[in-house]
Amino acid sequence: MSRLIYFYTKESLEKARLNPEEFTKVLKKAIKNLLPYEIEHLGNWLHFYTSKNPELKPCLVHVKK
């Protein structure tokens, strides 16, 4: 079940990519709901994803790497 939340989070973040404030809001909510290893996977995905969308790089401060 938890894996579904991880994929839902990634999908929500992709939808919110045009609005950095909304992206940050979704990211903060995800960090509260995901398990520690999922946050680590999300962090890896975010580093890859923000390389394509540099306007979202400031949001990475919420994910420890």
N, C-alpha and C. Protein backbone atom coordinates (compact mmCIF):
# COMPACT_ATOMS: atom_id res chain seq x y z
N MET A 1 0.83 -1.20 0.00
CA MET A 1 0.00 0.00 0.00
C MET A 1 0.87 1.26 0.00
N SER A 2 1.93 1.23 0.77
CA SER A 2 2.77 2.40 0.90
C SER A 2 3.42 2.76 -0.44
N ARG A 3 3.75 1.77 -1.23
CA ARG A 3 4.37 2.02 -2.53
C ARG A 3 3.43 2.82 -3.42
N LEU A 4 2.13 2.60 -3.28
CA LEU A 4 1.15 3.35 -4.06
C LEU A 4 1.19 4.83 -3.69
N ILE A 5 1.40 5.13 -2.43
CA ILE A 5 1.49 6.52 -1.99
C ILE A 5 2.71 7.19 -2.61
N TYR A 6 3.81 6.46 -2.70
CA TYR A 6 5.03 6.98 -3.31
C TYR A 6 4.77 7.35 -4.78
N PHE A 7 4.15 6.46 -5.52
CA PHE A 7 3.87 6.74 -6.93
C PHE A 7 2.85 7.86 -7.09
N TYR A 8 1.87 7.91 -6.21
CA TYR A 8 0.90 8.99 -6.23
C TYR A 8 1.58 10.33 -5.97
N THR A 9 2.54 10.32 -5.05
CA THR A 9 3.29 11.54 -4.73
C THR A 9 4.07 12.03 -5.94
N LYS A 10 4.75 11.12 -6.62
CA LYS A 10 5.51 11.51 -7.81
C LYS A 10 4.58 12.08 -8.89
N GLU A 11 3.43 11.46 -9.05
CA GLU A 11 2.46 11.94 -10.03
C GLU A 11 1.96 13.34 -9.65
N SER A 12 1.69 13.55 -8.38
CA SER A 12 1.22 14.86 -7.90
C SER A 12 2.29 15.93 -8.10
N LEU A 13 3.54 15.57 -7.84
CA LEU A 13 4.63 16.53 -8.03
C LEU A 13 4.80 16.88 -9.52
N GLU A 14 4.65 15.91 -10.38
CA GLU A 14 4.75 16.18 -11.81
C GLU A 14 3.63 17.11 -12.28
N LYS A 15 2.46 16.96 -11.71
CA LYS A 15 1.34 17.84 -12.07
C LYS A 15 1.54 19.26 -11.56
N ALA A 16 2.25 19.39 -10.43
CA ALA A 16 2.45 20.70 -9.81
C ALA A 16 3.72 21.39 -10.29
N ARG A 17 4.38 20.88 -11.29
CA ARG A 17 5.68 21.39 -11.72
C ARG A 17 5.65 22.81 -12.24
N LEU A 18 4.51 23.28 -12.69
CA LEU A 18 4.42 24.63 -13.26
C LEU A 18 4.33 25.71 -12.20
N ASN A 19 4.02 25.33 -10.98
CA ASN A 19 3.86 26.28 -9.90
C ASN A 19 4.78 25.87 -8.74
N PRO A 20 5.93 26.53 -8.59
CA PRO A 20 6.87 26.13 -7.53
C PRO A 20 6.28 26.15 -6.12
N GLU A 21 5.36 27.06 -5.84
CA GLU A 21 4.74 27.09 -4.51
C GLU A 21 3.90 25.84 -4.28
N GLU A 22 3.14 25.45 -5.27
CA GLU A 22 2.32 24.24 -5.17
C GLU A 22 3.21 23.00 -5.09
N PHE A 23 4.29 23.00 -5.85
CA PHE A 23 5.25 21.89 -5.83
C PHE A 23 5.81 21.72 -4.43
N THR A 24 6.19 22.83 -3.80
CA THR A 24 6.73 22.79 -2.44
C THR A 24 5.68 22.29 -1.45
N LYS A 25 4.47 22.72 -1.61
CA LYS A 25 3.38 22.29 -0.73
C LYS A 25 3.17 20.78 -0.82
N VAL A 26 3.14 20.25 -2.04
CA VAL A 26 2.96 18.81 -2.24
C VAL A 26 4.16 18.05 -1.68
N LEU A 27 5.35 18.59 -1.88
CA LEU A 27 6.57 17.95 -1.38
C LEU A 27 6.58 17.87 0.14
N LYS A 28 6.22 18.95 0.81
CA LYS A 28 6.17 18.95 2.28
C LYS A 28 5.15 17.94 2.80
N LYS A 29 4.01 17.86 2.15
CA LYS A 29 2.99 16.91 2.54
C LYS A 29 3.49 15.48 2.35
N ALA A 30 4.20 15.25 1.26
CA ALA A 30 4.73 13.92 0.98
C ALA A 30 5.74 13.50 2.04
N ILE A 31 6.59 14.42 2.45
CA ILE A 31 7.61 14.10 3.44
C ILE A 31 6.97 13.67 4.76
N LYS A 32 5.83 14.24 5.08
CA LYS A 32 5.13 13.86 6.30
C LYS A 32 4.52 12.46 6.20
N ASN A 33 4.13 12.04 4.99
CA ASN A 33 3.38 10.80 4.81
C ASN A 33 4.22 9.60 4.38
N LEU A 34 5.40 9.83 3.82
CA LEU A 34 6.20 8.72 3.31
C LEU A 34 7.11 8.14 4.38
N LEU A 35 7.49 6.91 4.16
CA LEU A 35 8.44 6.24 5.04
C LEU A 35 9.84 6.73 4.73
N PRO A 36 10.78 6.57 5.66
CA PRO A 36 12.14 7.10 5.44
C PRO A 36 12.81 6.61 4.16
N TYR A 37 12.69 5.33 3.84
CA TYR A 37 13.32 4.84 2.62
C TYR A 37 12.63 5.39 1.37
N GLU A 38 11.34 5.67 1.47
CA GLU A 38 10.63 6.27 0.34
C GLU A 38 11.05 7.72 0.14
N ILE A 39 11.33 8.41 1.23
CA ILE A 39 11.82 9.79 1.13
C ILE A 39 13.18 9.80 0.45
N GLU A 40 13.99 8.80 0.76
CA GLU A 40 15.30 8.69 0.11
C GLU A 40 15.14 8.47 -1.40
N HIS A 41 14.24 7.58 -1.77
CA HIS A 41 13.98 7.34 -3.20
C HIS A 41 13.41 8.60 -3.86
N LEU A 42 12.53 9.27 -3.16
CA LEU A 42 11.95 10.50 -3.69
C LEU A 42 13.02 11.56 -3.88
N GLY A 43 13.95 11.64 -2.95
CA GLY A 43 15.07 12.59 -3.08
C GLY A 43 15.90 12.31 -4.32
N ASN A 44 16.19 11.03 -4.57
CA ASN A 44 16.93 10.67 -5.77
C ASN A 44 16.16 11.06 -7.02
N TRP A 45 14.87 10.77 -7.03
CA TRP A 45 14.04 11.11 -8.17
C TRP A 45 13.98 12.64 -8.35
N LEU A 46 13.88 13.37 -7.26
CA LEU A 46 13.81 14.83 -7.34
C LEU A 46 15.07 15.44 -7.93
N HIS A 47 16.22 14.90 -7.57
CA HIS A 47 17.47 15.42 -8.13
C HIS A 47 17.50 15.21 -9.65
N PHE A 48 17.02 14.06 -10.10
CA PHE A 48 16.92 13.81 -11.53
C PHE A 48 15.89 14.72 -12.17
N TYR A 49 14.72 14.83 -11.54
CA TYR A 49 13.61 15.60 -12.11
C TYR A 49 13.92 17.10 -12.17
N THR A 50 14.58 17.62 -11.15
CA THR A 50 14.88 19.05 -11.13
C THR A 50 16.03 19.40 -12.08
N SER A 51 16.78 18.42 -12.53
CA SER A 51 17.79 18.71 -13.54
C SER A 51 17.12 19.09 -14.86
N LYS A 52 15.91 18.58 -15.08
CA LYS A 52 15.13 18.92 -16.27
C LYS A 52 14.29 20.19 -16.05
N ASN A 53 14.00 20.49 -14.80
CA ASN A 53 13.17 21.64 -14.42
C ASN A 53 13.92 22.48 -13.38
N PRO A 54 14.92 23.25 -13.82
CA PRO A 54 15.77 23.96 -12.86
C PRO A 54 15.04 24.98 -11.98
N GLU A 55 13.87 25.44 -12.40
CA GLU A 55 13.12 26.39 -11.58
C GLU A 55 12.63 25.76 -10.27
N LEU A 56 12.67 24.43 -10.20
CA LEU A 56 12.22 23.71 -8.99
C LEU A 56 13.36 23.35 -8.05
N LYS A 57 14.59 23.65 -8.43
CA LYS A 57 15.75 23.30 -7.59
C LYS A 57 15.67 23.86 -6.17
N PRO A 58 15.16 25.08 -5.96
CA PRO A 58 15.07 25.57 -4.57
C PRO A 58 14.22 24.69 -3.66
N CYS A 59 13.34 23.88 -4.21
CA CYS A 59 12.49 23.01 -3.41
C CYS A 59 13.27 21.85 -2.81
N LEU A 60 14.47 21.60 -3.31
CA LEU A 60 15.26 20.47 -2.81
C LEU A 60 15.73 20.65 -1.38
N VAL A 61 15.66 21.85 -0.85
CA VAL A 61 16.10 22.08 0.54
C VAL A 61 15.23 21.30 1.52
N HIS A 62 14.06 20.88 1.11
CA HIS A 62 13.15 20.15 2.00
C HIS A 62 13.49 18.67 2.08
N VAL A 63 14.33 18.20 1.15
CA VAL A 63 14.70 16.77 1.13
C VAL A 63 16.18 16.66 1.44
N LYS A 64 16.49 15.89 2.46
CA LYS A 64 17.89 15.71 2.84
C LYS A 64 18.53 14.73 1.86
N LYS A 65 19.72 15.04 1.45
CA LYS A 65 20.44 14.16 0.52
C LYS A 65 21.80 13.89 1.06
